[in-house]
Protein backbone atom coordinates (compact mmCIF):
# COMPACT_ATOMS: atom_id res chain seq x y z
CA MET A 1 90.59 -31.11 -38.48
CA HIS A 2 87.25 -30.53 -40.87
CA GLY A 3 86.47 -29.92 -44.19
CA ILE A 4 84.48 -26.59 -44.52
CA ASN A 5 81.39 -26.62 -47.27
CA LYS A 6 80.84 -23.22 -49.21
CA LYS A 7 78.58 -22.90 -51.61
CA THR A 8 76.16 -25.83 -52.51
CA VAL A 9 76.93 -27.88 -55.90
CA THR A 10 74.77 -30.45 -57.50
CA GLU A 11 75.69 -33.47 -59.51
CA PRO A 12 72.80 -35.12 -60.69
CA SER A 13 73.42 -38.87 -60.83
CA LEU A 14 71.07 -42.13 -61.22
CA THR A 15 70.12 -43.00 -56.67
CA GLU A 16 70.72 -46.35 -56.18
CA ALA A 17 66.38 -46.34 -55.76
CA GLN A 18 66.23 -45.22 -59.44
CA ALA A 19 68.77 -47.58 -60.42
CA LEU A 20 66.97 -50.05 -58.43
CA SER A 21 62.81 -49.13 -58.98
CA LEU A 22 60.47 -47.83 -61.29
CA THR A 23 57.79 -47.46 -59.18
CA PRO A 24 57.38 -46.91 -55.72
CA THR A 25 57.46 -50.12 -54.06
CA GLY A 26 60.33 -51.21 -56.04
CA ASN A 27 62.42 -53.96 -54.06
CA HIS A 28 66.81 -52.86 -53.07
CA THR A 29 66.99 -56.75 -51.96
CA GLY A 30 63.93 -58.67 -52.92
CA ARG A 31 63.38 -60.88 -56.45
CA SER A 32 61.64 -58.16 -58.88
CA VAL A 33 60.70 -55.02 -59.49
CA SER A 34 57.69 -53.98 -60.68
CA VAL A 35 56.80 -51.46 -63.22
CA PRO A 36 53.13 -50.13 -63.80
CA ASP A 37 51.71 -51.01 -67.57
CA LYS A 38 48.78 -50.68 -68.55
CA GLU A 39 47.56 -53.56 -69.73
CA LYS A 40 49.94 -55.56 -67.21
CA GLU A 41 52.28 -56.30 -64.72
CA SER A 42 55.33 -56.86 -65.75
CA SER A 43 58.57 -57.16 -64.18
CA PHE A 44 61.73 -55.41 -65.60
CA GLN A 45 63.79 -58.56 -65.40
CA ASP A 46 61.91 -59.41 -68.45
CA LEU A 47 63.28 -57.12 -70.40
CA SER A 48 65.08 -59.28 -73.02
CA SER A 49 69.16 -59.53 -72.42
CA ASP A 50 69.83 -56.83 -75.04
CA THR A 51 68.24 -54.38 -73.42
CA LEU A 52 69.82 -54.09 -70.04
CA PHE A 53 72.37 -54.15 -72.31
CA LEU A 54 72.25 -50.96 -73.29
CA ILE A 55 70.91 -49.91 -69.44
CA PHE A 56 73.84 -51.27 -68.12
CA ARG A 57 75.86 -48.60 -70.60
CA HIS A 58 73.82 -45.35 -69.05
CA LEU A 59 74.23 -46.19 -65.56
CA LYS A 60 77.70 -45.89 -62.84
CA LEU A 61 79.18 -48.13 -61.13
CA ARG A 62 77.76 -47.92 -58.14
CA ASP A 63 74.33 -48.20 -59.59
CA ILE A 64 75.86 -51.66 -61.57
CA ARG A 65 76.85 -53.19 -58.00
CA SER A 66 73.10 -52.01 -56.66
CA LEU A 67 71.88 -53.82 -59.41
CA GLN A 68 73.95 -57.26 -59.01
CA LYS A 69 71.94 -57.57 -55.75
CA VAL A 70 68.46 -57.48 -57.10
CA SER A 71 68.81 -61.11 -58.65
CA THR A 72 70.95 -64.29 -60.08
CA ARG A 73 69.79 -63.06 -64.26
CA LEU A 74 71.17 -59.13 -63.38
CA ARG A 75 74.10 -60.31 -61.65
CA ASP A 76 74.83 -63.19 -64.71
CA LEU A 77 73.72 -60.40 -66.54
CA ILE A 78 76.02 -57.88 -65.60
CA LYS A 79 79.21 -60.24 -65.41
CA GLU A 80 78.33 -61.64 -68.98
CA ASP A 81 78.41 -58.17 -70.43
CA ASN A 82 81.29 -56.78 -68.19
CA ALA A 83 78.85 -53.87 -67.29
CA LEU A 84 81.31 -52.92 -64.26
CA ALA A 85 84.03 -53.33 -66.09
CA LYS A 86 83.26 -50.95 -68.47
CA ALA A 87 81.28 -48.46 -65.89
CA TRP A 88 85.17 -48.36 -63.91
CA TYR A 89 86.93 -47.17 -67.78
CA SER A 90 84.11 -44.64 -68.01
CA GLN A 91 85.24 -43.21 -65.32
CA PHE A 92 88.42 -42.95 -66.99
CA SER A 93 89.57 -39.58 -68.92
CA SER A 94 90.15 -40.51 -72.45
CA ALA A 95 93.88 -39.75 -72.02
CA HIS A 96 94.10 -41.94 -69.00
CA GLN A 97 92.41 -44.72 -71.15
CA LYS A 98 94.65 -44.42 -73.86
CA GLN A 99 97.72 -45.19 -71.17
CA LEU A 100 95.98 -47.78 -69.99
CA ARG A 101 95.98 -49.46 -73.50
CA MET A 102 99.33 -48.82 -73.93
CA THR A 103 100.76 -50.43 -71.25
CA LEU A 104 98.75 -53.46 -71.65
CA THR A 105 100.06 -53.61 -75.90
CA ILE A 106 103.35 -53.47 -74.26
CA LYS A 107 103.10 -56.37 -73.11
CA ASP A 108 103.14 -59.84 -74.82
CA LYS A 109 101.30 -63.37 -73.49
CA HIS A 110 103.86 -64.42 -70.57
CA GLN A 111 104.62 -60.56 -69.14
CA LEU A 112 100.32 -60.62 -68.86
CA ARG A 113 99.88 -63.74 -67.15
CA ALA A 114 102.98 -62.77 -64.92
CA TRP A 115 100.62 -59.12 -64.42
CA PHE A 116 97.97 -61.28 -63.37
CA GLU A 117 100.02 -63.72 -61.29
CA SER A 118 101.18 -61.25 -58.73
CA PHE A 119 97.68 -61.41 -57.12
CA SER A 120 96.10 -65.16 -58.62
CA ASN A 121 97.09 -68.83 -58.90
CA ASN A 122 93.45 -69.02 -59.70
CA GLN A 123 94.48 -71.07 -63.53
CA ALA A 124 91.19 -70.96 -64.94
CA LEU A 125 90.94 -67.46 -64.19
CA LEU A 126 94.53 -66.42 -65.41
CA GLU A 127 93.95 -68.17 -68.79
CA SER A 128 90.84 -66.57 -69.08
CA LEU A 129 92.26 -63.09 -68.75
CA THR A 130 95.30 -64.03 -71.07
CA ASP A 131 93.96 -66.25 -73.66
CA ARG A 132 91.69 -63.36 -75.28
CA GLN A 133 91.86 -61.76 -78.67
CA PRO A 134 92.79 -57.76 -77.86
CA THR A 135 90.05 -57.13 -80.53
CA SER A 136 87.22 -55.99 -78.16
CA THR A 137 87.21 -51.80 -77.08
CA TYR A 138 86.61 -52.95 -73.57
CA LEU A 139 89.11 -55.13 -73.59
CA PRO A 140 92.02 -53.33 -70.84
CA ALA A 141 88.42 -52.62 -68.80
CA LEU A 142 88.51 -56.02 -68.00
CA LEU A 143 91.89 -56.27 -67.72
CA PHE A 144 92.77 -53.70 -65.08
CA PHE A 145 89.14 -53.58 -63.37
CA THR A 146 89.51 -57.49 -62.43
CA ARG A 147 93.36 -57.19 -61.35
CA ALA A 148 91.83 -53.93 -59.46
CA GLU A 149 89.68 -56.01 -57.55
CA LEU A 150 92.33 -58.43 -56.78
CA MET A 151 95.06 -56.19 -55.25
CA SER A 152 92.10 -55.07 -53.81
CA GLU A 153 91.34 -58.10 -51.54
CA CYS A 154 94.73 -58.27 -50.68
CA GLU A 155 95.33 -57.53 -47.10
CA THR A 156 98.87 -56.76 -47.25
CA PHE A 157 101.39 -56.48 -49.66
CA GLU A 158 104.97 -58.46 -50.46
CA LEU A 159 107.34 -56.06 -51.84
CA VAL A 160 109.93 -57.32 -54.18
CA THR A 161 112.73 -55.51 -54.86
CA ARG A 162 113.10 -55.69 -58.86
CA ALA A 163 116.09 -52.87 -58.89
CA THR A 164 118.29 -50.98 -56.50
CA ILE A 165 119.95 -48.61 -58.08
CA ASP A 166 122.67 -46.36 -56.76
CA ILE A 167 123.27 -42.83 -57.99
CA ARG A 168 125.74 -42.05 -55.58
CA CYS A 169 124.56 -38.41 -55.01
CA GLU A 170 121.33 -37.45 -53.52
CA VAL A 171 118.56 -38.46 -55.42
CA TYR A 172 115.58 -35.54 -55.17
CA SER A 173 113.14 -37.18 -57.46
CA ALA A 174 113.29 -40.38 -60.23
CA ASN A 175 109.90 -40.90 -62.61
CA LEU A 176 108.98 -44.15 -65.36
CA SER A 177 108.66 -43.54 -68.10
CA ALA A 178 104.66 -44.70 -69.29
CA ASP A 179 106.56 -47.49 -71.32
CA GLU A 180 108.57 -48.79 -68.20
CA ARG A 181 111.36 -48.59 -70.84
CA TYR A 182 113.86 -45.91 -68.86
CA LEU A 183 114.23 -44.21 -65.89
CA VAL A 184 114.94 -40.98 -65.35
CA THR A 185 116.60 -39.37 -62.09
CA ALA A 186 116.91 -35.84 -60.39
CA ASN A 187 121.02 -35.52 -58.34
CA GLY A 188 122.15 -33.80 -56.17
CA ASP A 189 124.84 -32.84 -58.44
CA ASN A 190 123.36 -31.06 -60.62
CA THR A 191 122.25 -33.35 -63.59
CA ALA A 192 119.49 -35.55 -64.62
CA THR A 193 120.13 -39.30 -65.32
CA ILE A 194 118.16 -41.10 -68.16
CA PHE A 195 118.99 -45.15 -67.60
CA CYS A 196 117.56 -47.90 -69.91
CA HIS A 197 115.79 -51.09 -68.89
CA GLU A 198 118.68 -53.86 -70.41
CA PRO A 199 116.55 -57.37 -71.40
CA ASP A 200 118.50 -58.88 -68.73
CA GLY A 201 116.57 -56.43 -66.48
CA SER A 202 119.68 -54.34 -65.44
CA TRP A 203 119.27 -50.29 -65.60
CA GLU A 204 121.70 -48.29 -67.49
CA ILE A 205 122.99 -44.97 -68.28
CA LYS A 206 121.45 -43.66 -71.33
CA THR A 207 122.61 -40.14 -71.02
CA THR A 208 123.29 -37.40 -68.69
CA ILE A 209 121.59 -33.65 -68.87
CA PRO A 210 123.91 -31.73 -67.17
CA HIS A 211 122.50 -28.24 -65.39
CA GLU A 212 124.12 -25.05 -63.50
CA LYS A 213 122.29 -25.62 -60.82
CA PHE A 214 119.93 -28.21 -58.90
CA VAL A 215 117.72 -29.67 -61.20
CA GLN A 216 114.24 -29.90 -60.67
CA SER A 217 111.43 -32.23 -60.81
CA PRO A 218 112.53 -34.40 -64.70
CA ASN A 219 109.40 -35.57 -66.40
CA PHE A 220 108.10 -38.02 -69.63
CA SER A 221 105.83 -37.46 -72.09
CA PRO A 222 103.03 -39.47 -72.01
CA ASP A 223 103.94 -40.75 -75.13
CA SER A 224 107.29 -41.75 -73.07
CA HIS A 225 109.25 -40.16 -76.31
CA HIS A 226 110.71 -37.25 -74.63
CA VAL A 227 111.97 -36.27 -71.51
CA VAL A 228 111.90 -32.18 -69.76
CA THR A 229 114.80 -31.18 -67.18
CA VAL A 230 113.89 -28.20 -64.98
CA SER A 231 116.50 -25.67 -63.13
CA ASP A 232 117.07 -23.40 -60.46
CA ASP A 233 119.81 -22.07 -63.86
CA GLY A 234 117.19 -20.56 -65.13
CA THR A 235 116.91 -23.63 -68.35
CA ALA A 236 114.84 -25.83 -69.33
CA ASN A 237 115.76 -28.92 -71.51
CA ILE A 238 113.60 -30.85 -73.46
CA TYR A 239 115.38 -34.18 -75.13
CA GLY A 240 113.78 -36.76 -77.54
CA LEU A 241 114.16 -40.47 -77.89
CA GLY A 242 116.09 -40.86 -81.22
CA CYS A 243 115.44 -43.69 -83.59
CA ASN A 244 118.44 -45.96 -82.41
CA GLY A 245 117.39 -45.90 -78.94
CA THR A 246 119.70 -42.54 -77.86
CA TRP A 247 118.58 -39.46 -76.61
CA GLU A 248 119.11 -36.29 -77.60
CA ALA A 249 119.09 -32.38 -77.20
CA ASN A 250 116.16 -30.84 -78.64
CA THR A 251 115.74 -27.87 -77.31
CA THR A 252 116.60 -25.31 -74.35
CA ILE A 253 113.59 -23.87 -73.10
CA ARG A 254 114.99 -20.33 -70.75
CA HIS A 255 113.76 -17.99 -68.36
CA ASP A 256 115.55 -14.63 -66.65
CA LEU A 257 114.95 -16.82 -63.20
CA GLU A 258 115.04 -19.57 -61.51
CA ILE A 259 112.41 -22.68 -63.47
CA SER A 260 110.11 -24.05 -60.67
CA SER A 261 108.39 -26.66 -62.78
CA ALA A 262 108.10 -27.54 -66.04
CA SER A 263 105.09 -30.29 -67.31
CA PHE A 264 103.79 -32.03 -70.84
CA SER A 265 100.18 -31.63 -72.23
CA THR A 266 98.57 -34.90 -72.05
CA ASP A 267 98.52 -35.01 -76.26
CA SER A 268 102.89 -34.92 -75.74
CA ARG A 269 102.51 -32.00 -78.33
CA HIS A 270 103.31 -29.32 -75.09
CA VAL A 271 105.44 -28.47 -72.05
CA VAL A 272 104.20 -25.81 -69.96
CA THR A 273 106.96 -24.14 -67.08
CA ALA A 274 106.93 -21.66 -63.77
CA SER A 275 109.18 -19.57 -63.39
CA TRP A 276 110.29 -16.98 -60.98
CA ASP A 277 111.44 -14.40 -63.34
CA ASN A 278 106.81 -14.18 -63.20
CA THR A 279 105.86 -15.71 -66.38
CA ALA A 280 104.90 -19.23 -67.85
CA LYS A 281 106.22 -20.25 -70.79
CA ILE A 282 103.32 -22.83 -73.28
CA HIS A 283 106.39 -24.64 -76.29
CA SER A 284 104.18 -26.70 -78.61
CA ARG A 285 106.41 -28.76 -80.47
CA LYS A 286 105.92 -28.91 -84.90
CA ASP A 287 105.49 -31.39 -87.31
CA ASP A 288 109.50 -31.26 -87.81
CA GLY A 289 110.04 -32.07 -84.48
CA SER A 290 111.29 -28.74 -83.48
CA TRP A 291 109.84 -26.94 -79.90
CA VAL A 292 108.37 -23.40 -80.71
CA LEU A 293 107.69 -20.33 -77.97
CA THR A 294 103.74 -20.49 -78.73
CA ALA A 295 102.11 -18.26 -75.76
CA ILE A 296 103.52 -16.15 -72.17
CA LEU A 297 101.16 -15.98 -69.51
CA PRO A 298 102.27 -12.86 -67.33
CA HIS A 299 102.17 -12.85 -63.92
CA LYS A 300 102.55 -10.03 -60.92
CA LYS A 301 105.18 -12.18 -58.59
CA SER A 302 107.09 -15.58 -59.37
CA VAL A 303 105.35 -18.83 -60.52
CA ASN A 304 105.13 -21.27 -58.57
CA SER A 305 103.81 -24.39 -60.60
CA ALA A 306 102.02 -24.66 -63.78
CA ILE A 307 100.17 -27.42 -65.49
CA PHE A 308 97.30 -28.66 -68.07
CA SER A 309 93.90 -29.91 -67.78
CA THR A 310 93.79 -33.47 -69.14
CA ASP A 311 92.05 -32.32 -72.22
CA GLY A 312 94.91 -29.92 -73.06
CA ARG A 313 92.58 -26.61 -73.58
CA HIS A 314 93.38 -24.84 -69.62
CA VAL A 315 96.32 -24.62 -68.17
CA VAL A 316 96.31 -23.68 -63.61
CA THR A 317 99.02 -21.95 -63.04
CA THR A 318 99.61 -20.79 -59.21
CA CYS A 319 101.87 -17.35 -58.19
CA MET A 320 103.42 -15.69 -54.88
CA ASP A 321 100.72 -12.63 -55.11
CA LYS A 322 98.48 -15.57 -53.80
CA THR A 323 96.68 -16.18 -56.84
CA ALA A 324 95.90 -18.55 -59.15
CA LYS A 325 94.88 -18.34 -62.79
CA ILE A 326 92.90 -20.44 -64.85
CA HIS A 327 94.48 -20.18 -68.71
CA ARG A 328 92.25 -20.89 -71.75
CA GLN A 329 93.36 -21.55 -74.70
CA LYS A 330 90.78 -20.51 -77.28
CA ASP A 331 89.83 -21.40 -80.98
CA ASN A 332 92.14 -19.30 -82.70
CA GLY A 333 95.28 -21.89 -80.87
CA LEU A 334 96.11 -18.12 -78.53
CA TRP A 335 95.72 -18.29 -74.72
CA GLU A 336 93.73 -16.21 -72.68
CA GLU A 337 92.66 -15.99 -68.98
CA GLU A 338 89.03 -16.88 -67.96
CA ASP A 339 89.83 -16.48 -64.14
CA THR A 340 91.69 -15.07 -61.05
CA ILE A 341 91.18 -17.03 -57.96
CA ALA A 342 92.63 -14.90 -54.75
CA SER A 343 93.33 -16.80 -51.76
CA TYR A 344 94.36 -15.92 -48.08
CA ALA A 345 98.07 -17.97 -48.38
CA ASN A 346 100.73 -18.52 -51.32
CA ALA A 347 99.20 -21.25 -52.96
CA LEU A 348 102.45 -24.27 -54.07
CA SER A 349 100.72 -25.56 -56.33
CA ALA A 350 97.07 -26.34 -58.51
CA THR A 351 96.26 -29.19 -60.43
CA PHE A 352 92.92 -30.07 -62.23
CA SER A 353 90.44 -33.33 -61.92
CA PRO A 354 90.62 -35.29 -65.12
CA ASP A 355 87.45 -33.18 -66.08
CA THR A 356 88.20 -30.18 -65.55
CA ARG A 357 85.56 -29.31 -63.70
CA TYR A 358 87.24 -29.12 -60.41
CA MET A 359 91.00 -27.43 -59.56
CA VAL A 360 92.96 -27.58 -56.35
CA THR A 361 95.35 -25.90 -54.58
CA ALA A 362 97.79 -26.71 -52.49
CA SER A 363 98.98 -23.61 -49.54
CA MET A 364 101.68 -23.09 -47.15
CA ASP A 365 98.53 -21.97 -44.28
CA GLY A 366 98.12 -25.54 -44.57
CA MET A 367 94.53 -25.72 -46.71
CA ALA A 368 93.87 -27.60 -49.40
CA ARG A 369 90.83 -25.14 -51.35
CA ILE A 370 88.80 -27.22 -53.93
CA TYR A 371 87.10 -25.00 -56.22
CA SER A 372 84.62 -25.94 -59.08
CA LYS A 373 83.61 -24.78 -62.74
CA LYS A 374 80.10 -22.53 -62.27
CA ALA A 375 78.02 -22.29 -66.39
CA ASP A 376 79.64 -19.59 -67.00
CA GLY A 377 83.25 -20.50 -66.70
CA SER A 378 84.35 -19.04 -63.60
CA TRP A 379 85.16 -20.65 -60.58
CA GLU A 380 84.18 -20.84 -56.63
CA GLU A 381 85.66 -22.51 -53.92
CA ASN A 382 83.79 -25.50 -52.78
CA PHE A 383 85.19 -26.95 -50.18
CA ILE A 384 88.35 -26.84 -47.26
CA ILE A 385 90.50 -29.75 -46.41
CA GLU A 386 92.48 -28.76 -42.89
CA HIS A 387 95.67 -29.48 -42.39
CA ARG A 388 97.90 -27.64 -39.44
CA LYS A 389 101.32 -27.04 -41.81
CA THR A 390 101.67 -26.02 -44.98
CA VAL A 391 100.37 -28.83 -47.98
CA ASN A 392 103.15 -30.02 -49.60
CA SER A 393 101.04 -31.71 -52.73
CA ALA A 394 97.12 -32.04 -53.34
CA THR A 395 95.76 -35.26 -55.78
CA PHE A 396 93.00 -35.76 -57.87
CA SER A 397 93.11 -39.52 -58.78
CA PRO A 398 92.59 -40.61 -62.00
CA ASP A 399 88.42 -41.49 -61.66
CA GLY A 400 87.86 -37.51 -60.60
CA ARG A 401 86.16 -40.01 -57.52
CA HIS A 402 89.08 -39.05 -54.14
CA LEU A 403 91.84 -36.28 -53.63
CA VAL A 404 94.99 -36.95 -51.31
CA THR A 405 96.63 -34.21 -49.77
CA ALA A 406 100.57 -34.84 -48.05
CA SER A 407 101.22 -32.37 -45.49
CA LYS A 408 104.33 -31.16 -42.75
CA ASP A 409 102.37 -32.10 -40.45
CA TYR A 410 102.55 -35.86 -40.86
CA THR A 411 99.33 -36.65 -41.70
CA VAL A 412 98.20 -38.05 -45.03
CA LYS A 413 94.51 -37.31 -45.95
CA ILE A 414 92.45 -38.49 -48.61
CA TYR A 415 88.63 -37.37 -49.04
CA GLY A 416 85.74 -39.32 -51.87
CA ARG A 417 83.17 -37.06 -54.25
CA LYS A 418 79.54 -36.81 -52.88
CA ALA A 419 76.27 -36.77 -55.18
CA ASP A 420 75.56 -33.27 -54.10
CA GLY A 421 79.98 -32.08 -55.33
CA PHE A 422 80.68 -31.65 -51.78
CA TRP A 423 83.65 -33.67 -50.34
CA LYS A 424 84.09 -36.12 -47.29
CA GLU A 425 87.33 -37.44 -45.33
CA LYS A 426 87.18 -41.17 -45.80
CA ALA A 427 91.01 -41.23 -44.12
CA ILE A 428 93.67 -40.28 -42.02
CA PHE A 429 97.54 -41.75 -41.93
CA SER A 430 100.22 -40.51 -40.57
CA HIS A 431 103.98 -40.27 -41.12
CA LYS A 432 106.68 -39.71 -37.83
CA ASP A 433 107.59 -36.50 -40.47
CA TRP A 434 106.68 -34.56 -43.01
CA VAL A 435 105.14 -35.68 -45.94
CA LEU A 436 106.26 -34.56 -49.62
CA SER A 437 103.84 -35.77 -51.47
CA ALA A 438 100.87 -38.07 -51.67
CA THR A 439 100.30 -39.95 -55.37
CA PHE A 440 97.67 -42.11 -56.65
CA SER A 441 98.19 -45.14 -58.47
CA PRO A 442 96.70 -45.30 -62.31
CA ASP A 443 93.52 -47.86 -60.86
CA SER A 444 92.67 -45.63 -58.55
CA ARG A 445 92.35 -47.27 -55.78
CA HIS A 446 95.52 -47.32 -53.87
CA VAL A 447 98.38 -45.02 -53.20
CA VAL A 448 101.63 -44.05 -52.40
CA THR A 449 103.45 -41.36 -50.16
CA ALA A 450 107.04 -40.20 -49.81
CA SER A 451 107.63 -39.04 -46.48
CA TYR A 452 111.21 -37.56 -44.54
CA ASP A 453 110.53 -40.89 -41.88
CA LYS A 454 112.62 -42.52 -44.48
CA THR A 455 109.42 -44.49 -45.59
CA ALA A 456 106.48 -44.54 -48.22
CA LYS A 457 103.05 -46.11 -47.55
CA ILE A 458 101.35 -47.74 -49.74
CA ILE A 459 97.59 -47.35 -49.01
CA GLY A 460 94.73 -49.55 -51.06
CA GLN A 461 91.51 -49.53 -51.21
CA GLN A 462 88.76 -52.21 -50.00
CA ASP A 463 85.74 -53.49 -51.58
CA ASP A 464 83.78 -51.91 -48.65
CA GLY A 465 85.26 -48.39 -49.43
CA SER A 466 87.79 -47.89 -46.79
CA TRP A 467 91.31 -47.29 -46.34
CA SER A 468 93.89 -49.21 -44.89
CA GLU A 469 97.86 -49.23 -44.79
CA LYS A 470 98.94 -52.32 -47.03
CA ALA A 471 102.52 -52.37 -47.28
CA ASN A 472 105.99 -49.58 -46.47
CA ILE A 473 108.93 -49.46 -48.37
CA VAL A 474 112.12 -48.21 -46.63
CA HIS A 475 115.50 -46.05 -47.47
CA GLY A 476 117.96 -45.35 -45.37
CA LYS A 477 117.66 -41.27 -45.33
CA PRO A 478 114.01 -39.27 -46.75
CA ILE A 479 112.32 -40.07 -49.82
CA SER A 480 112.27 -37.49 -51.36
CA SER A 481 109.59 -38.94 -54.81
CA ALA A 482 107.29 -42.09 -54.61
CA THR A 483 105.39 -42.58 -57.78
CA PHE A 484 103.96 -45.65 -59.42
CA SER A 485 104.26 -47.25 -62.62
CA ALA A 486 102.50 -46.91 -65.48
CA ASP A 487 100.58 -50.32 -65.20
CA GLY A 488 100.05 -50.13 -60.64
CA SER A 489 102.41 -53.24 -60.66
CA GLN A 490 105.31 -51.24 -58.92
CA VAL A 491 106.63 -48.03 -56.69
CA ILE A 492 109.70 -45.97 -57.73
CA THR A 493 111.28 -44.76 -54.54
CA ALA A 494 114.10 -42.58 -54.75
CA GLY A 495 116.23 -41.11 -51.73
CA PHE A 496 118.77 -38.35 -50.10
CA ASP A 497 120.90 -41.89 -49.60
CA GLY A 498 121.83 -41.54 -53.32
CA ILE A 499 119.22 -45.04 -54.31
CA VAL A 500 116.39 -45.81 -56.67
CA LYS A 501 114.31 -48.31 -55.12
CA ILE A 502 112.00 -50.45 -58.17
CA THR A 503 109.71 -52.48 -55.97
CA GLU A 504 106.82 -54.91 -57.15
CA LEU A 505 103.84 -55.66 -55.60
CA ARG A 506 102.49 -58.67 -54.94
CA ARG A 507 100.26 -60.52 -52.82
CA ASN A 508 100.95 -61.33 -49.13
CA HIS A 509 100.37 -64.57 -48.50
CA SER A 510 101.76 -64.94 -45.08
CA LEU A 511 99.51 -61.86 -44.38
CA SER A 512 102.16 -60.70 -41.47
CA ALA A 513 103.78 -57.36 -41.99
CA VAL A 514 103.61 -54.59 -43.65
CA THR A 515 107.26 -53.71 -44.17
CA GLU A 516 110.06 -54.83 -46.74
């Protein structure tokens, strides 16, 4: 199946030709690029280092990569300025950059070194990376970029199981907090369990959160200080981390019918819930730590999902009346409906791109529909990704450059965004049964899938832009969820076999198989 283009969306960017030459006679692979001058003919390479450093700040990653090919001097200056790392880092939203920084600040020098040793035994490189003082704003960019490059060089990954947690009943999801200290699971006995990672490496139960009916996927807040659980019993419980390390009940959000989803805003101060009672509700945390209802978003039928945009100023909801609604927060803090998008089938979920310029829905008719925001604030259909059966999930990468879909037709599709704003198919991967989800790593270079065929595939992007399967994590029964840790070093899988696995990714020196 192929994607279907809709109306043209232009995305101005510096082309490779513009980056490499200032005149029509510029040479993409030559030794110099000439710039006309009234008095003399000078070279682009004659510009001072400081001037070139400033130019690098305004170029995109692909343009800087192109400049590397022009000359040895430019290549050396790009390396000296860490221009590639900075351009790569700038693709992420400020909220995601903050999360990346946090994952590094919690690592001591020994942990940071081990983080790199998983993919490199170059001692000089390890010393240069781990001995740096954390004063530069772009140090996280350099560290994450370098590690992403090292991971991309791996043809396959070696998988090292760091923990196997037996829940003793079916596990519907497992999520790790951003600081990697806590794990929360949704269990088949109508409970959610919070575990703590102890100094000896074990995972100990800290809190069990009871519900009366089926528990949906619980989530940590981005700051790791809160957990929200949702249930078919019509309640969502918010628990907070106390000063003594215990988790305490903060509030209970109530709907008249089942709650289908709940998620935090990126600043961790708001929670939005979606319910079959035809409403989505936003609750906000006050300075004293209490949570209050701040908005009710009405719909005509059951609401399947609700999620915040990265900037926290928008919420997108999907409804069983075959619509998706975009809600906007006004300057006075109140919420209003900005646009309603009509579809041909019920959408199970919708998510924004990190820059809130695009939105994608995953629908029961086998379509993932991408919408783009117009200058007047309205939304229009931009592109369609086709599957043969229900699309269970559709998610943008943290850098907004790619999108991955997972379907009941046993396939995962990865699409890349082109310069004109349309999307191009990059890769298709197959499972032997339904694919429940596909999620990107924090560096946007890897994807992990969760499938009914008892496997989670780890897929990685190579230096040439292609995607390949690098490892398989196996459970005894269907895998219900699979996600990356905040630093991208581990994968957390949960299965109907009652097992949660925390698996570390490492360079596979044997290059033999991709299975565990």
